[in-house]
């Protein structure tokens, strides 16, 4: 299971998360996947495109899972 860090933000929109994960090429594609009922949040199908995903939620798409965590990525020196 992959991890997505919120980088100090309180949430990430579901359609944006799909783009960040590389599961959708663009926002329109992400919104279409969500509208078709192909994305699950915490084991339930989610059809709200701008659904606010917060820390500790798990998003599943096409056999891939990501857990959202509060926190910042370490700086690369």
PDB file of N, CA and C in Angstrom:
ATOM      1  N   UNK A   1       0.859  -1.176   0.000  1.00  0.00           N
ATOM      2  CA  UNK A   1       0.000   0.000   0.000  1.00  0.00           C
ATOM      3  C   UNK A   1       0.905   1.239   0.000  1.00  0.00           C
ATOM      4  N   UNK A   2       0.571   2.180  -0.833  1.00  0.00           N
ATOM      5  CA  UNK A   2       1.330   3.427  -0.925  1.00  0.00           C
ATOM      6  C   UNK A   2       0.846   4.423   0.122  1.00  0.00           C
ATOM      7  N   UNK A   3       1.628   5.473   0.325  1.00  0.00           N
ATOM      8  CA  UNK A   3       1.284   6.539   1.264  1.00  0.00           C
ATOM      9  C   UNK A   3       1.281   7.874   0.530  1.00  0.00           C
ATOM     10  N   UNK A   4       0.283   8.704   0.804  1.00  0.00           N
ATOM     11  CA  UNK A   4       0.213  10.062   0.279  1.00  0.00           C
ATOM     12  C   UNK A   4       0.234  11.008   1.464  1.00  0.00           C
ATOM     13  N   UNK A   5       1.170  11.962   1.463  1.00  0.00           N
ATOM     14  CA  UNK A   5       1.280  12.918   2.566  1.00  0.00           C
ATOM     15  C   UNK A   5       0.537  14.199   2.232  1.00  0.00           C
ATOM     16  N   UNK A   6      -0.196  14.715   3.202  1.00  0.00           N
ATOM     17  CA  UNK A   6      -0.998  15.919   2.997  1.00  0.00           C
ATOM     18  C   UNK A   6      -0.162  17.204   2.947  1.00  0.00           C
ATOM     19  N   UNK A   7       1.105  17.133   3.320  1.00  0.00           N
ATOM     20  CA  UNK A   7       2.016  18.284   3.226  1.00  0.00           C
ATOM     21  C   UNK A   7       1.476  19.528   3.930  1.00  0.00           C
ATOM     22  N   UNK A   8       0.876  19.349   5.102  1.00  0.00           N
ATOM     23  CA  UNK A   8       0.385  20.478   5.878  1.00  0.00           C
ATOM     24  C   UNK A   8      -1.027  20.922   5.547  1.00  0.00           C
ATOM     25  N   UNK A   9      -1.632  20.336   4.511  1.00  0.00           N
ATOM     26  CA  UNK A   9      -3.007  20.680   4.147  1.00  0.00           C
ATOM     27  C   UNK A   9      -3.975  19.815   4.956  1.00  0.00           C
ATOM     28  N   UNK A  10      -5.192  20.307   5.210  1.00  0.00           N
ATOM     29  CA  UNK A  10      -6.145  19.513   5.996  1.00  0.00           C
ATOM     30  C   UNK A  10      -6.762  18.353   5.205  1.00  0.00           C
ATOM     31  N   UNK A  11      -6.766  18.456   3.859  1.00  0.00           N
ATOM     32  CA  UNK A  11      -7.371  17.413   3.031  1.00  0.00           C
ATOM     33  C   UNK A  11      -6.843  17.527   1.604  1.00  0.00           C
ATOM     34  N   UNK A  12      -7.174  16.522   0.804  1.00  0.00           N
ATOM     35  CA  UNK A  12      -6.921  16.569  -0.638  1.00  0.00           C
ATOM     36  C   UNK A  12      -8.221  16.140  -1.316  1.00  0.00           C
ATOM     37  N   UNK A  13      -8.575  16.815  -2.396  1.00  0.00           N
ATOM     38  CA  UNK A  13      -9.774  16.422  -3.147  1.00  0.00           C
ATOM     39  C   UNK A  13      -9.510  15.077  -3.820  1.00  0.00           C
ATOM     40  N   UNK A  14     -10.524  14.242  -3.843  1.00  0.00           N
ATOM     41  CA  UNK A  14     -10.369  12.898  -4.402  1.00  0.00           C
ATOM     42  C   UNK A  14      -9.856  12.941  -5.839  1.00  0.00           C
ATOM     43  N   UNK A  15     -10.405  13.817  -6.677  1.00  0.00           N
ATOM     44  CA  UNK A  15      -9.959  13.882  -8.073  1.00  0.00           C
ATOM     45  C   UNK A  15      -8.489  14.293  -8.156  1.00  0.00           C
ATOM     46  N   UNK A  16      -8.037  15.170  -7.263  1.00  0.00           N
ATOM     47  CA  UNK A  16      -6.632  15.574  -7.245  1.00  0.00           C
ATOM     48  C   UNK A  16      -5.731  14.425  -6.796  1.00  0.00           C
ATOM     49  N   UNK A  17      -6.198  13.640  -5.845  1.00  0.00           N
ATOM     50  CA  UNK A  17      -5.421  12.497  -5.372  1.00  0.00           C
ATOM     51  C   UNK A  17      -5.192  11.499  -6.503  1.00  0.00           C
ATOM     52  N   UNK A  18      -6.218  11.242  -7.297  1.00  0.00           N
ATOM     53  CA  UNK A  18      -6.059  10.323  -8.427  1.00  0.00           C
ATOM     54  C   UNK A  18      -5.002  10.826  -9.404  1.00  0.00           C
ATOM     55  N   UNK A  19      -4.968  12.131  -9.634  1.00  0.00           N
ATOM     56  CA  UNK A  19      -3.946  12.711 -10.515  1.00  0.00           C
ATOM     57  C   UNK A  19      -2.555  12.582  -9.887  1.00  0.00           C
ATOM     58  N   UNK A  20      -2.427  12.923  -8.603  1.00  0.00           N
ATOM     59  CA  UNK A  20      -1.132  12.850  -7.920  1.00  0.00           C
ATOM     60  C   UNK A  20      -0.579  11.419  -7.917  1.00  0.00           C
ATOM     61  N   UNK A  21      -1.455  10.447  -7.799  1.00  0.00           N
ATOM     62  CA  UNK A  21      -1.033   9.050  -7.768  1.00  0.00           C
ATOM     63  C   UNK A  21      -0.705   8.513  -9.163  1.00  0.00           C
ATOM     64  N   UNK A  22      -1.057   9.273 -10.192  1.00  0.00           N
ATOM     65  CA  UNK A  22      -0.814   8.798 -11.556  1.00  0.00           C
ATOM     66  C   UNK A  22      -1.879   7.836 -12.041  1.00  0.00           C
ATOM     67  N   UNK A  23      -2.987   7.776 -11.318  1.00  0.00           N
ATOM     68  CA  UNK A  23      -4.080   6.877 -11.703  1.00  0.00           C
ATOM     69  C   UNK A  23      -4.948   7.494 -12.782  1.00  0.00           C
ATOM     70  N   UNK A  24      -4.825   8.799 -12.986  1.00  0.00           N
ATOM     71  CA  UNK A  24      -5.567   9.511 -14.033  1.00  0.00           C
ATOM     72  C   UNK A  24      -4.619  10.544 -14.635  1.00  0.00           C
ATOM     73  N   UNK A  25      -4.713  10.716 -15.948  1.00  0.00           N
ATOM     74  CA  UNK A  25      -3.828  11.648 -16.646  1.00  0.00           C
ATOM     75  C   UNK A  25      -4.181  13.109 -16.395  1.00  0.00           C
ATOM     76  N   UNK A  26      -5.457  13.381 -16.186  1.00  0.00           N
ATOM     77  CA  UNK A  26      -5.892  14.766 -16.004  1.00  0.00           C
ATOM     78  C   UNK A  26      -7.125  14.790 -15.101  1.00  0.00           C
ATOM     79  N   UNK A  27      -7.531  16.007 -14.731  1.00  0.00           N
ATOM     80  CA  UNK A  27      -8.679  16.151 -13.843  1.00  0.00           C
ATOM     81  C   UNK A  27      -9.959  15.594 -14.431  1.00  0.00           C
ATOM     82  N   UNK A  28     -10.152  15.801 -15.735  1.00  0.00           N
ATOM     83  CA  UNK A  28     -11.360  15.291 -16.378  1.00  0.00           C
ATOM     84  C   UNK A  28     -11.434  13.779 -16.336  1.00  0.00           C
ATOM     85  N   UNK A  29     -10.291  13.138 -16.560  1.00  0.00           N
ATOM     86  CA  UNK A  29     -10.247  11.668 -16.511  1.00  0.00           C
ATOM     87  C   UNK A  29     -10.507  11.178 -15.088  1.00  0.00           C
ATOM     88  N   UNK A  30      -9.922  11.872 -14.098  1.00  0.00           N
ATOM     89  CA  UNK A  30     -10.129  11.487 -12.699  1.00  0.00           C
ATOM     90  C   UNK A  30     -11.605  11.599 -12.326  1.00  0.00           C
ATOM     91  N   UNK A  31     -12.234  12.702 -12.722  1.00  0.00           N
ATOM     92  CA  UNK A  31     -13.646  12.908 -12.407  1.00  0.00           C
ATOM     93  C   UNK A  31     -14.527  11.862 -13.073  1.00  0.00           C
ATOM     94  N   UNK A  32     -14.174  11.453 -14.288  1.00  0.00           N
ATOM     95  CA  UNK A  32     -14.943  10.419 -14.992  1.00  0.00           C
ATOM     96  C   UNK A  32     -14.832   9.077 -14.270  1.00  0.00           C
ATOM     97  N   UNK A  33     -13.626   8.726 -13.819  1.00  0.00           N
ATOM     98  CA  UNK A  33     -13.437   7.465 -13.097  1.00  0.00           C
ATOM     99  C   UNK A  33     -14.259   7.446 -11.813  1.00  0.00           C
ATOM    100  N   UNK A  34     -14.268   8.580 -11.122  1.00  0.00           N
ATOM    101  CA  UNK A  34     -15.031   8.673  -9.876  1.00  0.00           C
ATOM    102  C   UNK A  34     -16.526   8.581 -10.162  1.00  0.00           C
ATOM    103  N   UNK A  35     -16.989   9.311 -11.175  1.00  0.00           N
ATOM    104  CA  UNK A  35     -18.418   9.307 -11.520  1.00  0.00           C
ATOM    105  C   UNK A  35     -18.902   7.922 -11.932  1.00  0.00           C
ATOM    106  N   UNK A  36     -18.009   7.125 -12.518  1.00  0.00           N
ATOM    107  CA  UNK A  36     -18.370   5.765 -12.942  1.00  0.00           C
ATOM    108  C   UNK A  36     -18.406   4.781 -11.780  1.00  0.00           C
ATOM    109  N   UNK A  37     -18.057   5.245 -10.585  1.00  0.00           N
ATOM    110  CA  UNK A  37     -18.097   4.365  -9.417  1.00  0.00           C
ATOM    111  C   UNK A  37     -16.924   3.415  -9.330  1.00  0.00           C
ATOM    112  N   UNK A  38     -15.781   3.808  -9.891  1.00  0.00           N
ATOM    113  CA  UNK A  38     -14.611   2.929  -9.921  1.00  0.00           C
ATOM    114  C   UNK A  38     -13.626   3.174  -8.787  1.00  0.00           C
ATOM    115  N   UNK A  39     -13.941   4.134  -7.907  1.00  0.00           N
ATOM    116  CA  UNK A  39     -13.030   4.498  -6.821  1.00  0.00           C
ATOM    117  C   UNK A  39     -13.716   4.245  -5.481  1.00  0.00           C
ATOM    118  N   UNK A  40     -12.978   3.643  -4.562  1.00  0.00           N
ATOM    119  CA  UNK A  40     -13.484   3.391  -3.215  1.00  0.00           C
ATOM    120  C   UNK A  40     -12.703   4.211  -2.198  1.00  0.00           C
ATOM    121  N   UNK A  41     -13.413   4.715  -1.213  1.00  0.00           N
ATOM    122  CA  UNK A  41     -12.806   5.393  -0.069  1.00  0.00           C
ATOM    123  C   UNK A  41     -13.230   4.625   1.175  1.00  0.00           C
ATOM    124  N   UNK A  42     -12.260   4.134   1.911  1.00  0.00           N
ATOM    125  CA  UNK A  42     -12.528   3.334   3.118  1.00  0.00           C
ATOM    126  C   UNK A  42     -13.500   2.187   2.827  1.00  0.00           C
ATOM    127  N   UNK A  43     -13.321   1.536   1.675  1.00  0.00           N
ATOM    128  CA  UNK A  43     -14.106   0.357   1.335  1.00  0.00           C
ATOM    129  C   UNK A  43     -15.476   0.624   0.744  1.00  0.00           C
ATOM    130  N   UNK A  44     -15.852   1.894   0.567  1.00  0.00           N
ATOM    131  CA  UNK A  44     -17.153   2.248   0.015  1.00  0.00           C
ATOM    132  C   UNK A  44     -16.970   3.014  -1.294  1.00  0.00           C
ATOM    133  N   UNK A  45     -17.783   2.719  -2.287  1.00  0.00           N
ATOM    134  CA  UNK A  45     -17.718   3.444  -3.556  1.00  0.00           C
ATOM    135  C   UNK A  45     -18.025   4.915  -3.305  1.00  0.00           C
ATOM    136  N   UNK A  46     -17.176   5.781  -3.858  1.00  0.00           N
ATOM    137  CA  UNK A  46     -17.336   7.226  -3.689  1.00  0.00           C
ATOM    138  C   UNK A  46     -17.537   7.864  -5.060  1.00  0.00           C
ATOM    139  N   UNK A  47     -18.635   8.614  -5.224  1.00  0.00           N
ATOM    140  CA  UNK A  47     -18.926   9.245  -6.508  1.00  0.00           C
ATOM    141  C   UNK A  47     -18.852  10.772  -6.442  1.00  0.00           C
ATOM    142  N   UNK A  48     -18.482  11.317  -5.288  1.00  0.00           N
ATOM    143  CA  UNK A  48     -18.313  12.770  -5.178  1.00  0.00           C
ATOM    144  C   UNK A  48     -16.899  13.121  -5.643  1.00  0.00           C
ATOM    145  N   UNK A  49     -16.806  13.837  -6.738  1.00  0.00           N
ATOM    146  CA  UNK A  49     -15.514  14.116  -7.357  1.00  0.00           C
ATOM    147  C   UNK A  49     -14.585  14.934  -6.468  1.00  0.00           C
ATOM    148  N   UNK A  50     -15.120  15.891  -5.746  1.00  0.00           N
ATOM    149  CA  UNK A  50     -14.303  16.765  -4.897  1.00  0.00           C
ATOM    150  C   UNK A  50     -14.363  16.337  -3.424  1.00  0.00           C
ATOM    151  N   UNK A  51     -14.722  15.087  -3.186  1.00  0.00           N
ATOM    152  CA  UNK A  51     -14.778  14.556  -1.820  1.00  0.00           C
ATOM    153  C   UNK A  51     -13.460  14.869  -1.109  1.00  0.00           C
ATOM    154  N   UNK A  52     -13.539  15.373   0.124  1.00  0.00           N
ATOM    155  CA  UNK A  52     -12.350  15.733   0.885  1.00  0.00           C
ATOM    156  C   UNK A  52     -11.778  14.488   1.558  1.00  0.00           C
ATOM    157  N   UNK A  53     -10.591  14.111   1.137  1.00  0.00           N
ATOM    158  CA  UNK A  53      -9.912  12.949   1.706  1.00  0.00           C
ATOM    159  C   UNK A  53      -8.968  13.460   2.786  1.00  0.00           C
ATOM    160  N   UNK A  54      -9.148  12.967   4.000  1.00  0.00           N
ATOM    161  CA  UNK A  54      -8.356  13.419   5.145  1.00  0.00           C
ATOM    162  C   UNK A  54      -7.430  12.302   5.616  1.00  0.00           C
ATOM    163  N   UNK A  55      -6.571  12.649   6.564  1.00  0.00           N
ATOM    164  CA  UNK A  55      -5.601  11.692   7.098  1.00  0.00           C
ATOM    165  C   UNK A  55      -6.271  10.412   7.582  1.00  0.00           C
ATOM    166  N   UNK A  56      -5.609   9.318   7.320  1.00  0.00           N
ATOM    167  CA  UNK A  56      -5.988   7.954   7.710  1.00  0.00           C
ATOM    168  C   UNK A  56      -7.056   7.328   6.821  1.00  0.00           C
ATOM    169  N   UNK A  57      -7.527   8.037   5.811  1.00  0.00           N
ATOM    170  CA  UNK A  57      -8.459   7.404   4.878  1.00  0.00           C
ATOM    171  C   UNK A  57      -7.670   6.609   3.839  1.00  0.00           C
ATOM    172  N   UNK A  58      -8.286   5.542   3.347  1.00  0.00           N
ATOM    173  CA  UNK A  58      -7.662   4.674   2.345  1.00  0.00           C
ATOM    174  C   UNK A  58      -8.476   4.760   1.062  1.00  0.00           C
ATOM    175  N   UNK A  59      -7.789   5.026  -0.041  1.00  0.00           N
ATOM    176  CA  UNK A  59      -8.429   5.127  -1.351  1.00  0.00           C
ATOM    177  C   UNK A  59      -7.956   3.958  -2.196  1.00  0.00           C
ATOM    178  N   UNK A  60      -8.906   3.305  -2.864  1.00  0.00           N
ATOM    179  CA  UNK A  60      -8.629   2.122  -3.675  1.00  0.00           C
ATOM    180  C   UNK A  60      -9.127   2.368  -5.091  1.00  0.00           C
ATOM    181  N   UNK A  61      -8.257   2.098  -6.068  1.00  0.00           N
ATOM    182  CA  UNK A  61      -8.652   2.200  -7.473  1.00  0.00           C
ATOM    183  C   UNK A  61      -7.933   1.125  -8.268  1.00  0.00           C
ATOM    184  N   UNK A  62      -8.690   0.311  -8.969  1.00  0.00           N
ATOM    185  CA  UNK A  62      -8.134  -0.662  -9.900  1.00  0.00           C
ATOM    186  C   UNK A  62      -7.072  -1.556  -9.255  1.00  0.00           C
ATOM    187  N   UNK A  63      -7.309  -1.961  -8.017  1.00  0.00           N
ATOM    188  CA  UNK A  63      -6.385  -2.864  -7.335  1.00  0.00           C
ATOM    189  C   UNK A  63      -5.242  -2.166  -6.614  1.00  0.00           C
ATOM    190  N   UNK A  64      -5.103  -0.859  -6.764  1.00  0.00           N
ATOM    191  CA  UNK A  64      -4.062  -0.101  -6.067  1.00  0.00           C
ATOM    192  C   UNK A  64      -4.683   0.642  -4.894  1.00  0.00           C
ATOM    193  N   UNK A  65      -3.929   0.696  -3.792  1.00  0.00           N
ATOM    194  CA  UNK A  65      -4.424   1.372  -2.596  1.00  0.00           C
ATOM    195  C   UNK A  65      -3.415   2.408  -2.141  1.00  0.00           C
ATOM    196  N   UNK A  66      -3.938   3.502  -1.599  1.00  0.00           N
ATOM    197  CA  UNK A  66      -3.098   4.529  -0.995  1.00  0.00           C
ATOM    198  C   UNK A  66      -3.733   4.957   0.318  1.00  0.00           C
ATOM    199  N   UNK A  67      -2.906   5.103   1.340  1.00  0.00           N
ATOM    200  CA  UNK A  67      -3.375   5.624   2.615  1.00  0.00           C
ATOM    201  C   UNK A  67      -2.883   7.066   2.714  1.00  0.00           C
ATOM    202  N   UNK A  68      -3.782   7.948   3.132  1.00  0.00           N
ATOM    203  CA  UNK A  68      -3.463   9.367   3.259  1.00  0.00           C
ATOM    204  C   UNK A  68      -3.003   9.622   4.692  1.00  0.00           C
ATOM    205  N   UNK A  69      -1.876  10.315   4.812  1.00  0.00           N
ATOM    206  CA  UNK A  69      -1.301  10.600   6.118  1.00  0.00           C
ATOM    207  C   UNK A  69      -1.058  12.088   6.276  1.00  0.00           C
ATOM    208  N   UNK A  70      -1.212  12.578   7.494  1.00  0.00           N
ATOM    209  CA  UNK A  70      -0.818  13.952   7.794  1.00  0.00           C
ATOM    210  C   UNK A  70       0.702  13.967   7.838  1.00  0.00           C
ATOM    211  N   UNK A  71       1.293  15.061   7.455  1.00  0.00           N
ATOM    212  CA  UNK A  71       2.745  15.146   7.562  1.00  0.00           C
ATOM    213  C   UNK A  71       3.371  15.734   6.317  1.00  0.00           C
ATOM    214  N   UNK A  72       4.660  15.925   6.428  1.00  0.00           N
ATOM    215  CA  UNK A  72       5.442  16.513   5.345  1.00  0.00           C
ATOM    216  C   UNK A  72       6.461  15.508   4.838  1.00  0.00           C
ATOM    217  N   UNK A  73       6.774  15.579   3.553  1.00  0.00           N
ATOM    218  CA  UNK A  73       7.818  14.710   3.039  1.00  0.00           C
ATOM    219  C   UNK A  73       9.172  15.272   3.448  1.00  0.00           C
ATOM    220  N   UNK A  74      10.118  14.382   3.696  1.00  0.00           N
ATOM    221  CA  UNK A  74      11.449  14.857   4.105  1.00  0.00           C
ATOM    222  C   UNK A  74      12.099  15.651   2.970  1.00  0.00           C
ATOM    223  N   UNK A  75      12.807  16.700   3.344  1.00  0.00           N
ATOM    224  CA  UNK A  75      13.485  17.509   2.330  1.00  0.00           C
ATOM    225  C   UNK A  75      14.645  16.731   1.759  1.00  0.00           C
ATOM    226  N   UNK A  76      14.811  16.849   0.470  1.00  0.00           N
ATOM    227  CA  UNK A  76      15.917  16.165  -0.201  1.00  0.00           C
ATOM    228  C   UNK A  76      17.081  17.156  -0.275  1.00  0.00           C
ATOM    229  N   UNK A  77      18.187  16.794   0.319  1.00  0.00           N
ATOM    230  CA  UNK A  77      19.344  17.704   0.339  1.00  0.00           C
ATOM    231  C   UNK A  77      20.294  17.412  -0.794  1.00  0.00           C
TER     232      UNK A  77
END
